[in-house]
């Protein structure tokens, strides 16, 4: 049977394209917008009439959705068509509690569920070099791994359902705090008379080197490049909220993450909500003397 793909946005469209060109399987897509379906038609992706029809025709269905609210709504529809042996794969970043609840609902229909949130950039999605963190039982992971390899360079089986989301949420939580630290260092260095690009290039040669430094720091903060249609401040705030919910449920205090949340909220209030989220550096830079 065909592979289904629901959600053809910034990340979903290139992932679906890679599946269509590399998997050797027919791919059926669905999105509320027609433009990505029209673009993907050239790669052989068939547009579904609706999500129920897609679910009937596909044994594996990938979801690339904005957040938990959308995931819950889409899965409510898919459950009506779920059947034994079908696999639903959530590629988005979703709350852990919701992920486990949705998975149980599909298991009750003899279907399987995997949380497989992706990390890295849209460019990585285009190149097929994403990192995927998977929460699933062994059999489900074995079934979906060849397909994940179509758009990912790194695929990690993190454990049972929910652990993929845990790993992704903690990855984002660390990333947000790292960018805050980089922004603070930049503000101090510039105020003291040092060049910002020199600082970041020098940090990249030592113990402070990181993916955040080389990408968010040198490519966004130093270049003052915070476009829309990238991973926005609003999306970052949503993902960090899921991480903070998990921390609260786990009774763990996370003051550093709370500080990052405060800055993201302030950036949104300043009108930066739709811009690439490292724009929080502007607030820290403006606070410097």
C-alpha atoms as a PDB file:
ATOM      1  CA  UNK A   1       0.000   0.000   0.000  1.00  0.00           C
ATOM      2  CA  UNK A   2       0.960   3.643  -0.319  1.00  0.00           C
ATOM      3  CA  UNK A   3       2.605   5.905   2.257  1.00  0.00           C
ATOM      4  CA  UNK A   4       0.461   8.771   3.513  1.00  0.00           C
ATOM      5  CA  UNK A   5       1.774  12.201   4.499  1.00  0.00           C
ATOM      6  CA  UNK A   6      -0.397  14.783   6.264  1.00  0.00           C
ATOM      7  CA  UNK A   7       0.958  18.305   6.781  1.00  0.00           C
ATOM      8  CA  UNK A   8       3.049  19.789   3.978  1.00  0.00           C
ATOM      9  CA  UNK A   9       4.400  22.924   5.585  1.00  0.00           C
ATOM     10  CA  UNK A  10       7.944  24.247   5.945  1.00  0.00           C
ATOM     11  CA  UNK A  11       9.344  20.867   7.052  1.00  0.00           C
ATOM     12  CA  UNK A  12       6.646  18.506   5.826  1.00  0.00           C
ATOM     13  CA  UNK A  13       6.880  19.352   2.141  1.00  0.00           C
ATOM     14  CA  UNK A  14      10.593  18.514   1.733  1.00  0.00           C
ATOM     15  CA  UNK A  15      10.236  15.370   3.863  1.00  0.00           C
ATOM     16  CA  UNK A  16       7.342  14.207   1.714  1.00  0.00           C
ATOM     17  CA  UNK A  17       9.355  14.984  -1.422  1.00  0.00           C
ATOM     18  CA  UNK A  18      12.257  12.869  -0.193  1.00  0.00           C
ATOM     19  CA  UNK A  19       9.917   9.989   0.593  1.00  0.00           C
ATOM     20  CA  UNK A  20       8.415  10.180  -2.884  1.00  0.00           C
ATOM     21  CA  UNK A  21      11.790  10.214  -4.640  1.00  0.00           C
ATOM     22  CA  UNK A  22      13.707   7.734  -2.462  1.00  0.00           C
ATOM     23  CA  UNK A  23      11.320   5.220  -0.874  1.00  0.00           C
ATOM     24  CA  UNK A  24      10.220   3.341  -3.978  1.00  0.00           C
ATOM     25  CA  UNK A  25       6.651   3.555  -2.657  1.00  0.00           C
ATOM     26  CA  UNK A  26       3.630   5.493  -3.867  1.00  0.00           C
ATOM     27  CA  UNK A  27       3.031   8.556  -1.681  1.00  0.00           C
ATOM     28  CA  UNK A  28      -0.332  10.202  -1.018  1.00  0.00           C
ATOM     29  CA  UNK A  29      -0.332  13.684   0.513  1.00  0.00           C
ATOM     30  CA  UNK A  30      -2.826  15.915   2.256  1.00  0.00           C
ATOM     31  CA  UNK A  31      -2.724  19.528   3.385  1.00  0.00           C
ATOM     32  CA  UNK A  32      -5.301  22.276   3.778  1.00  0.00           C
ATOM     33  CA  UNK A  33      -3.215  24.359   1.347  1.00  0.00           C
ATOM     34  CA  UNK A  34      -3.175  23.373  -2.318  1.00  0.00           C
ATOM     35  CA  UNK A  35       0.166  24.952  -3.293  1.00  0.00           C
ATOM     36  CA  UNK A  36       2.488  22.309  -1.762  1.00  0.00           C
ATOM     37  CA  UNK A  37       0.401  19.509  -3.288  1.00  0.00           C
ATOM     38  CA  UNK A  38       0.711  21.156  -6.686  1.00  0.00           C
ATOM     39  CA  UNK A  39       4.496  21.409  -6.270  1.00  0.00           C
ATOM     40  CA  UNK A  40       4.787  17.803  -5.078  1.00  0.00           C
ATOM     41  CA  UNK A  41       2.743  16.491  -7.999  1.00  0.00           C
ATOM     42  CA  UNK A  42       5.896  16.739 -10.136  1.00  0.00           C
ATOM     43  CA  UNK A  43       7.572  14.214  -7.795  1.00  0.00           C
ATOM     44  CA  UNK A  44       4.667  11.794  -8.136  1.00  0.00           C
ATOM     45  CA  UNK A  45       2.783  12.627  -4.928  1.00  0.00           C
ATOM     46  CA  UNK A  46      -0.952  12.071  -5.276  1.00  0.00           C
ATOM     47  CA  UNK A  47      -3.291  14.477  -3.511  1.00  0.00           C
ATOM     48  CA  UNK A  48      -5.820  12.830  -1.192  1.00  0.00           C
ATOM     49  CA  UNK A  49      -9.469  13.845  -1.242  1.00  0.00           C
ATOM     50  CA  UNK A  50      -9.432  14.033   2.552  1.00  0.00           C
ATOM     51  CA  UNK A  51      -7.640  12.515   5.535  1.00  0.00           C
ATOM     52  CA  UNK A  52     -10.066   9.610   5.880  1.00  0.00           C
ATOM     53  CA  UNK A  53      -9.524   8.573   2.267  1.00  0.00           C
ATOM     54  CA  UNK A  54      -5.762   8.837   2.769  1.00  0.00           C
ATOM     55  CA  UNK A  55      -5.923   6.611   5.847  1.00  0.00           C
ATOM     56  CA  UNK A  56      -7.936   3.982   3.970  1.00  0.00           C
ATOM     57  CA  UNK A  57      -5.316   3.818   1.199  1.00  0.00           C
ATOM     58  CA  UNK A  58      -2.125   3.870   3.298  1.00  0.00           C
ATOM     59  CA  UNK A  59      -0.573   1.379   5.695  1.00  0.00           C
ATOM     60  CA  UNK A  60       1.862   3.966   7.105  1.00  0.00           C
ATOM     61  CA  UNK A  61       0.771   7.567   7.709  1.00  0.00           C
ATOM     62  CA  UNK A  62       3.253  10.328   8.558  1.00  0.00           C
ATOM     63  CA  UNK A  63       2.094  13.493  10.308  1.00  0.00           C
ATOM     64  CA  UNK A  64       3.982  16.806  10.232  1.00  0.00           C
ATOM     65  CA  UNK A  65       1.794  19.199  12.195  1.00  0.00           C
ATOM     66  CA  UNK A  66       2.302  22.507  14.027  1.00  0.00           C
ATOM     67  CA  UNK A  67       1.611  21.217  17.543  1.00  0.00           C
ATOM     68  CA  UNK A  68      -0.401  19.182  19.988  1.00  0.00           C
ATOM     69  CA  UNK A  69      -3.763  20.777  19.237  1.00  0.00           C
ATOM     70  CA  UNK A  70      -3.487  19.926  15.546  1.00  0.00           C
ATOM     71  CA  UNK A  71      -2.173  16.431  16.336  1.00  0.00           C
ATOM     72  CA  UNK A  72      -5.155  15.683  18.559  1.00  0.00           C
ATOM     73  CA  UNK A  73      -7.643  16.874  15.919  1.00  0.00           C
ATOM     74  CA  UNK A  74      -6.026  14.945  13.054  1.00  0.00           C
ATOM     75  CA  UNK A  75      -5.702  11.752  15.086  1.00  0.00           C
ATOM     76  CA  UNK A  76      -9.369  11.959  16.072  1.00  0.00           C
ATOM     77  CA  UNK A  77     -10.151  11.711  12.351  1.00  0.00           C
ATOM     78  CA  UNK A  78      -7.589   8.996  11.634  1.00  0.00           C
ATOM     79  CA  UNK A  79      -8.830   6.810  14.487  1.00  0.00           C
ATOM     80  CA  UNK A  80     -12.091   6.368  12.641  1.00  0.00           C
ATOM     81  CA  UNK A  81     -10.212   4.685   9.781  1.00  0.00           C
ATOM     82  CA  UNK A  82      -7.508   2.930  11.824  1.00  0.00           C
ATOM     83  CA  UNK A  83      -7.052  -0.797  11.299  1.00  0.00           C
ATOM     84  CA  UNK A  84      -4.858  -3.662  12.420  1.00  0.00           C
ATOM     85  CA  UNK A  85      -1.252  -3.343  11.274  1.00  0.00           C
ATOM     86  CA  UNK A  86      -1.460   0.319  10.292  1.00  0.00           C
ATOM     87  CA  UNK A  87       1.284   2.633  11.627  1.00  0.00           C
ATOM     88  CA  UNK A  88       0.865   6.310  12.476  1.00  0.00           C
ATOM     89  CA  UNK A  89       4.093   8.332  12.789  1.00  0.00           C
ATOM     90  CA  UNK A  90       4.149  11.806  14.351  1.00  0.00           C
ATOM     91  CA  UNK A  91       7.113  13.790  13.009  1.00  0.00           C
ATOM     92  CA  UNK A  92       6.180  16.958  14.870  1.00  0.00           C
ATOM     93  CA  UNK A  93       6.984  18.145  18.375  1.00  0.00           C
ATOM     94  CA  UNK A  94       4.115  17.235  20.688  1.00  0.00           C
ATOM     95  CA  UNK A  95       3.366  16.993  24.421  1.00  0.00           C
ATOM     96  CA  UNK A  96       4.506  13.711  25.971  1.00  0.00           C
ATOM     97  CA  UNK A  97       1.259  13.131  27.844  1.00  0.00           C
ATOM     98  CA  UNK A  98      -0.791  13.618  24.657  1.00  0.00           C
ATOM     99  CA  UNK A  99       1.581  11.401  22.653  1.00  0.00           C
ATOM    100  CA  UNK A 100       1.095   8.490  25.029  1.00  0.00           C
ATOM    101  CA  UNK A 101      -2.677   8.958  25.162  1.00  0.00           C
ATOM    102  CA  UNK A 102      -3.003   9.049  21.373  1.00  0.00           C
ATOM    103  CA  UNK A 103      -0.768   6.000  21.035  1.00  0.00           C
ATOM    104  CA  UNK A 104      -2.989   4.034  23.423  1.00  0.00           C
ATOM    105  CA  UNK A 105      -6.037   4.956  21.350  1.00  0.00           C
ATOM    106  CA  UNK A 106      -4.459   3.562  18.188  1.00  0.00           C
ATOM    107  CA  UNK A 107      -3.252   0.433  19.976  1.00  0.00           C
ATOM    108  CA  UNK A 108      -6.855  -0.161  21.028  1.00  0.00           C
ATOM    109  CA  UNK A 109      -7.645  -0.333  17.302  1.00  0.00           C
ATOM    110  CA  UNK A 110      -4.727  -2.792  16.784  1.00  0.00           C
ATOM    111  CA  UNK A 111      -2.747  -0.075  14.986  1.00  0.00           C
ATOM    112  CA  UNK A 112       0.753   1.069  15.986  1.00  0.00           C
ATOM    113  CA  UNK A 113       2.047   4.523  16.801  1.00  0.00           C
ATOM    114  CA  UNK A 114       5.488   6.140  16.832  1.00  0.00           C
ATOM    115  CA  UNK A 115       6.602   9.573  17.924  1.00  0.00           C
ATOM    116  CA  UNK A 116       9.477  10.586  15.667  1.00  0.00           C
ATOM    117  CA  UNK A 117      10.116  14.327  16.031  1.00  0.00           C
ATOM    118  CA  UNK A 118      12.708  15.762  13.686  1.00  0.00           C
ATOM    119  CA  UNK A 119      15.530  18.158  14.450  1.00  0.00           C
ATOM    120  CA  UNK A 120      17.714  20.493  12.367  1.00  0.00           C
ATOM    121  CA  UNK A 121      16.733  23.002   9.721  1.00  0.00           C
ATOM    122  CA  UNK A 122      14.566  23.232   6.612  1.00  0.00           C
ATOM    123  CA  UNK A 123      17.798  23.060   4.608  1.00  0.00           C
ATOM    124  CA  UNK A 124      18.489  19.706   6.282  1.00  0.00           C
ATOM    125  CA  UNK A 125      14.961  18.588   5.424  1.00  0.00           C
ATOM    126  CA  UNK A 126      15.604  19.493   1.782  1.00  0.00           C
ATOM    127  CA  UNK A 127      18.927  17.608   1.760  1.00  0.00           C
ATOM    128  CA  UNK A 128      17.538  14.613   3.646  1.00  0.00           C
ATOM    129  CA  UNK A 129      19.932  15.071   6.572  1.00  0.00           C
ATOM    130  CA  UNK A 130      17.543  15.590   9.487  1.00  0.00           C
ATOM    131  CA  UNK A 131      17.980  13.974  12.884  1.00  0.00           C
ATOM    132  CA  UNK A 132      15.007  11.909  14.055  1.00  0.00           C
ATOM    133  CA  UNK A 133      14.354  10.775  17.631  1.00  0.00           C
ATOM    134  CA  UNK A 134      11.969   7.813  17.725  1.00  0.00           C
ATOM    135  CA  UNK A 135       9.745   6.496  20.470  1.00  0.00           C
ATOM    136  CA  UNK A 136       8.249   3.149  19.426  1.00  0.00           C
ATOM    137  CA  UNK A 137       8.320  -0.564  20.105  1.00  0.00           C
ATOM    138  CA  UNK A 138      11.034  -2.542  18.340  1.00  0.00           C
ATOM    139  CA  UNK A 139       8.811  -3.922  15.583  1.00  0.00           C
ATOM    140  CA  UNK A 140       7.362  -0.520  14.705  1.00  0.00           C
ATOM    141  CA  UNK A 141      10.801   1.074  14.677  1.00  0.00           C
ATOM    142  CA  UNK A 142      12.117  -1.630  12.344  1.00  0.00           C
ATOM    143  CA  UNK A 143       9.186  -1.061   9.989  1.00  0.00           C
ATOM    144  CA  UNK A 144       9.556   2.702   9.714  1.00  0.00           C
ATOM    145  CA  UNK A 145      13.335   3.115   9.864  1.00  0.00           C
ATOM    146  CA  UNK A 146      13.952   2.574   6.117  1.00  0.00           C
ATOM    147  CA  UNK A 147      11.429   5.330   5.403  1.00  0.00           C
ATOM    148  CA  UNK A 148      12.897   7.693   7.981  1.00  0.00           C
ATOM    149  CA  UNK A 149      16.272   7.177   6.303  1.00  0.00           C
ATOM    150  CA  UNK A 150      14.824   8.831   3.191  1.00  0.00           C
ATOM    151  CA  UNK A 151      14.921  12.245   4.897  1.00  0.00           C
ATOM    152  CA  UNK A 152      17.268  11.752   7.865  1.00  0.00           C
ATOM    153  CA  UNK A 153      20.991  11.233   8.322  1.00  0.00           C
ATOM    154  CA  UNK A 154      20.588  10.332  12.000  1.00  0.00           C
ATOM    155  CA  UNK A 155      17.810   8.070  13.297  1.00  0.00           C
ATOM    156  CA  UNK A 156      17.875   7.264  17.014  1.00  0.00           C
ATOM    157  CA  UNK A 157      15.587   4.753  18.713  1.00  0.00           C
ATOM    158  CA  UNK A 158      15.089   6.422  22.103  1.00  0.00           C
ATOM    159  CA  UNK A 159      12.835   3.756  23.632  1.00  0.00           C
ATOM    160  CA  UNK A 160       9.094   3.253  24.054  1.00  0.00           C
ATOM    161  CA  UNK A 161       6.408   5.638  22.812  1.00  0.00           C
ATOM    162  CA  UNK A 162       6.932   9.111  24.280  1.00  0.00           C
ATOM    163  CA  UNK A 163      10.711   8.934  24.607  1.00  0.00           C
ATOM    164  CA  UNK A 164      11.257  10.478  21.183  1.00  0.00           C
ATOM    165  CA  UNK A 165       9.318  13.525  22.313  1.00  0.00           C
ATOM    166  CA  UNK A 166      11.202  13.626  25.606  1.00  0.00           C
ATOM    167  CA  UNK A 167      14.532  13.695  23.753  1.00  0.00           C
ATOM    168  CA  UNK A 168      13.327  16.373  21.315  1.00  0.00           C
ATOM    169  CA  UNK A 169      11.872  18.601  24.018  1.00  0.00           C
ATOM    170  CA  UNK A 170      15.050  18.422  26.071  1.00  0.00           C
ATOM    171  CA  UNK A 171      17.126  19.111  22.951  1.00  0.00           C
ATOM    172  CA  UNK A 172      15.091  22.245  22.289  1.00  0.00           C
ATOM    173  CA  UNK A 173      15.237  23.309  25.932  1.00  0.00           C
ATOM    174  CA  UNK A 174      19.044  23.122  25.892  1.00  0.00           C
ATOM    175  CA  UNK A 175      19.200  24.892  22.522  1.00  0.00           C
ATOM    176  CA  UNK A 176      17.059  27.832  23.651  1.00  0.00           C
ATOM    177  CA  UNK A 177      19.182  28.342  26.747  1.00  0.00           C
ATOM    178  CA  UNK A 178      22.400  28.084  24.720  1.00  0.00           C
ATOM    179  CA  UNK A 179      21.277  30.837  22.372  1.00  0.00           C
ATOM    180  CA  UNK A 180      20.428  33.018  25.362  1.00  0.00           C
ATOM    181  CA  UNK A 181      23.955  32.429  26.694  1.00  0.00           C
ATOM    182  CA  UNK A 182      25.465  33.288  23.296  1.00  0.00           C
ATOM    183  CA  UNK A 183      23.382  36.468  23.118  1.00  0.00           C
ATOM    184  CA  UNK A 184      24.552  37.529  26.566  1.00  0.00           C
ATOM    185  CA  UNK A 185      28.190  36.878  25.663  1.00  0.00           C
ATOM    186  CA  UNK A 186      27.798  38.884  22.469  1.00  0.00           C
ATOM    187  CA  UNK A 187      26.234  41.833  24.296  1.00  0.00           C
ATOM    188  CA  UNK A 188      29.028  41.884  26.877  1.00  0.00           C
ATOM    189  CA  UNK A 189      31.786  41.583  24.267  1.00  0.00           C
ATOM    190  CA  UNK A 190      30.406  44.337  22.052  1.00  0.00           C
ATOM    191  CA  UNK A 191      29.883  46.659  25.016  1.00  0.00           C
ATOM    192  CA  UNK A 192      33.497  46.049  26.035  1.00  0.00           C
ATOM    193  CA  UNK A 193      34.782  46.907  22.554  1.00  0.00           C
ATOM    194  CA  UNK A 194      35.209  43.514  20.830  1.00  0.00           C
ATOM    195  CA  UNK A 195      33.879  42.487  17.436  1.00  0.00           C
ATOM    196  CA  UNK A 196      30.961  40.078  17.628  1.00  0.00           C
ATOM    197  CA  UNK A 197      31.891  37.925  14.630  1.00  0.00           C
ATOM    198  CA  UNK A 198      35.427  37.610  15.936  1.00  0.00           C
ATOM    199  CA  UNK A 199      34.030  36.476  19.287  1.00  0.00           C
ATOM    200  CA  UNK A 200      31.805  33.755  17.844  1.00  0.00           C
ATOM    201  CA  UNK A 201      34.475  32.509  15.432  1.00  0.00           C
ATOM    202  CA  UNK A 202      36.909  32.306  18.335  1.00  0.00           C
ATOM    203  CA  UNK A 203      34.405  30.505  20.568  1.00  0.00           C
ATOM    204  CA  UNK A 204      33.892  27.974  17.767  1.00  0.00           C
ATOM    205  CA  UNK A 205      37.538  26.954  18.120  1.00  0.00           C
ATOM    206  CA  UNK A 206      37.304  26.122  21.810  1.00  0.00           C
ATOM    207  CA  UNK A 207      35.208  24.531  24.526  1.00  0.00           C
ATOM    208  CA  UNK A 208      32.215  26.825  23.876  1.00  0.00           C
ATOM    209  CA  UNK A 209      31.738  25.456  20.350  1.00  0.00           C
ATOM    210  CA  UNK A 210      28.260  24.113  19.555  1.00  0.00           C
ATOM    211  CA  UNK A 211      25.715  23.591  16.806  1.00  0.00           C
ATOM    212  CA  UNK A 212      23.862  26.620  18.205  1.00  0.00           C
ATOM    213  CA  UNK A 213      26.987  28.768  17.899  1.00  0.00           C
ATOM    214  CA  UNK A 214      27.813  27.752  14.349  1.00  0.00           C
ATOM    215  CA  UNK A 215      24.254  27.986  13.072  1.00  0.00           C
ATOM    216  CA  UNK A 216      22.040  30.222  15.218  1.00  0.00           C
ATOM    217  CA  UNK A 217      24.976  32.361  16.310  1.00  0.00           C
ATOM    218  CA  UNK A 218      27.078  32.900  13.197  1.00  0.00           C
ATOM    219  CA  UNK A 219      24.322  32.545  10.579  1.00  0.00           C
ATOM    220  CA  UNK A 220      21.462  34.377  12.301  1.00  0.00           C
ATOM    221  CA  UNK A 221      22.519  36.527  15.259  1.00  0.00           C
ATOM    222  CA  UNK A 222      25.737  37.957  13.793  1.00  0.00           C
ATOM    223  CA  UNK A 223      24.130  38.431  10.377  1.00  0.00           C
ATOM    224  CA  UNK A 224      21.006  39.978  11.921  1.00  0.00           C
ATOM    225  CA  UNK A 225      19.015  37.486   9.829  1.00  0.00           C
ATOM    226  CA  UNK A 226      15.693  36.539  11.372  1.00  0.00           C
ATOM    227  CA  UNK A 227      13.358  35.688   8.488  1.00  0.00           C
ATOM    228  CA  UNK A 228       9.758  34.587   8.639  1.00  0.00           C
ATOM    229  CA  UNK A 229       8.808  31.131   7.336  1.00  0.00           C
ATOM    230  CA  UNK A 230      11.528  29.712   9.562  1.00  0.00           C
ATOM    231  CA  UNK A 231      11.231  28.243  13.077  1.00  0.00           C
ATOM    232  CA  UNK A 232       9.485  31.231  14.619  1.00  0.00           C
ATOM    233  CA  UNK A 233       9.534  32.714  18.116  1.00  0.00           C
ATOM    234  CA  UNK A 234       5.925  31.601  18.546  1.00  0.00           C
ATOM    235  CA  UNK A 235       6.824  28.010  17.634  1.00  0.00           C
ATOM    236  CA  UNK A 236       9.831  28.076  19.947  1.00  0.00           C
ATOM    237  CA  UNK A 237       7.627  29.294  22.771  1.00  0.00           C
ATOM    238  CA  UNK A 238       5.168  26.493  22.054  1.00  0.00           C
ATOM    239  CA  UNK A 239       7.886  23.822  22.147  1.00  0.00           C
ATOM    240  CA  UNK A 240       9.467  25.257  25.280  1.00  0.00           C
ATOM    241  CA  UNK A 241       6.030  25.246  26.899  1.00  0.00           C
ATOM    242  CA  UNK A 242       5.791  21.496  26.290  1.00  0.00           C
ATOM    243  CA  UNK A 243       9.220  21.044  27.899  1.00  0.00           C
ATOM    244  CA  UNK A 244       8.205  23.135  30.901  1.00  0.00           C
ATOM    245  CA  UNK A 245       5.002  21.111  31.255  1.00  0.00           C
ATOM    246  CA  UNK A 246       7.093  17.942  31.326  1.00  0.00           C
ATOM    247  CA  UNK A 247       9.450  19.448  33.897  1.00  0.00           C
ATOM    248  CA  UNK A 248       6.501  20.406  36.084  1.00  0.00           C
ATOM    249  CA  UNK A 249       4.972  16.937  35.788  1.00  0.00           C
ATOM    250  CA  UNK A 250       8.375  15.512  36.747  1.00  0.00           C
ATOM    251  CA  UNK A 251       8.710  17.920  39.720  1.00  0.00           C
ATOM    252  CA  UNK A 252      11.984  19.359  38.413  1.00  0.00           C
ATOM    253  CA  UNK A 253      12.827  23.061  38.729  1.00  0.00           C
ATOM    254  CA  UNK A 254      14.303  24.528  35.535  1.00  0.00           C
ATOM    255  CA  UNK A 255      15.156  28.195  36.168  1.00  0.00           C
ATOM    256  CA  UNK A 256      17.315  28.506  33.055  1.00  0.00           C
ATOM    257  CA  UNK A 257      14.482  27.332  30.846  1.00  0.00           C
ATOM    258  CA  UNK A 258      12.085  29.695  32.630  1.00  0.00           C
ATOM    259  CA  UNK A 259      14.407  32.578  31.783  1.00  0.00           C
ATOM    260  CA  UNK A 260      14.433  31.530  28.124  1.00  0.00           C
ATOM    261  CA  UNK A 261      10.623  31.437  28.207  1.00  0.00           C
ATOM    262  CA  UNK A 262      10.528  34.961  29.640  1.00  0.00           C
ATOM    263  CA  UNK A 263      12.715  36.245  26.794  1.00  0.00           C
ATOM    264  CA  UNK A 264      10.690  34.455  24.106  1.00  0.00           C
ATOM    265  CA  UNK A 265       7.490  35.945  25.508  1.00  0.00           C
ATOM    266  CA  UNK A 266       9.084  39.393  25.556  1.00  0.00           C
ATOM    267  CA  UNK A 267      10.191  38.976  21.932  1.00  0.00           C
ATOM    268  CA  UNK A 268       6.651  38.009  20.950  1.00  0.00           C
ATOM    269  CA  UNK A 269       5.276  41.036  22.764  1.00  0.00           C
ATOM    270  CA  UNK A 270       7.714  43.215  20.787  1.00  0.00           C
ATOM    271  CA  UNK A 271       6.232  41.950  17.516  1.00  0.00           C
ATOM    272  CA  UNK A 272       8.918  39.351  16.750  1.00  0.00           C
ATOM    273  CA  UNK A 273       6.566  36.369  17.053  1.00  0.00           C
ATOM    274  CA  UNK A 274       6.715  35.344  13.387  1.00  0.00           C
ATOM    275  CA  UNK A 275      10.465  35.877  12.997  1.00  0.00           C
ATOM    276  CA  UNK A 276      13.182  33.245  13.352  1.00  0.00           C
ATOM    277  CA  UNK A 277      13.413  32.712  17.095  1.00  0.00           C
ATOM    278  CA  UNK A 278      17.110  33.688  17.711  1.00  0.00           C
ATOM    279  CA  UNK A 279      15.714  37.218  17.352  1.00  0.00           C
ATOM    280  CA  UNK A 280      15.576  37.084  21.181  1.00  0.00           C
ATOM    281  CA  UNK A 281      19.195  38.240  20.950  1.00  0.00           C
ATOM    282  CA  UNK A 282      17.897  41.684  20.009  1.00  0.00           C
ATOM    283  CA  UNK A 283      16.297  42.107  23.411  1.00  0.00           C
ATOM    284  CA  UNK A 284      19.509  41.178  25.217  1.00  0.00           C
ATOM    285  CA  UNK A 285      21.589  43.429  22.965  1.00  0.00           C
ATOM    286  CA  UNK A 286      19.262  46.379  23.533  1.00  0.00           C
ATOM    287  CA  UNK A 287      19.582  45.939  27.301  1.00  0.00           C
ATOM    288  CA  UNK A 288      23.356  46.367  27.115  1.00  0.00           C
ATOM    289  CA  UNK A 289      24.686  49.875  27.920  1.00  0.00           C
END
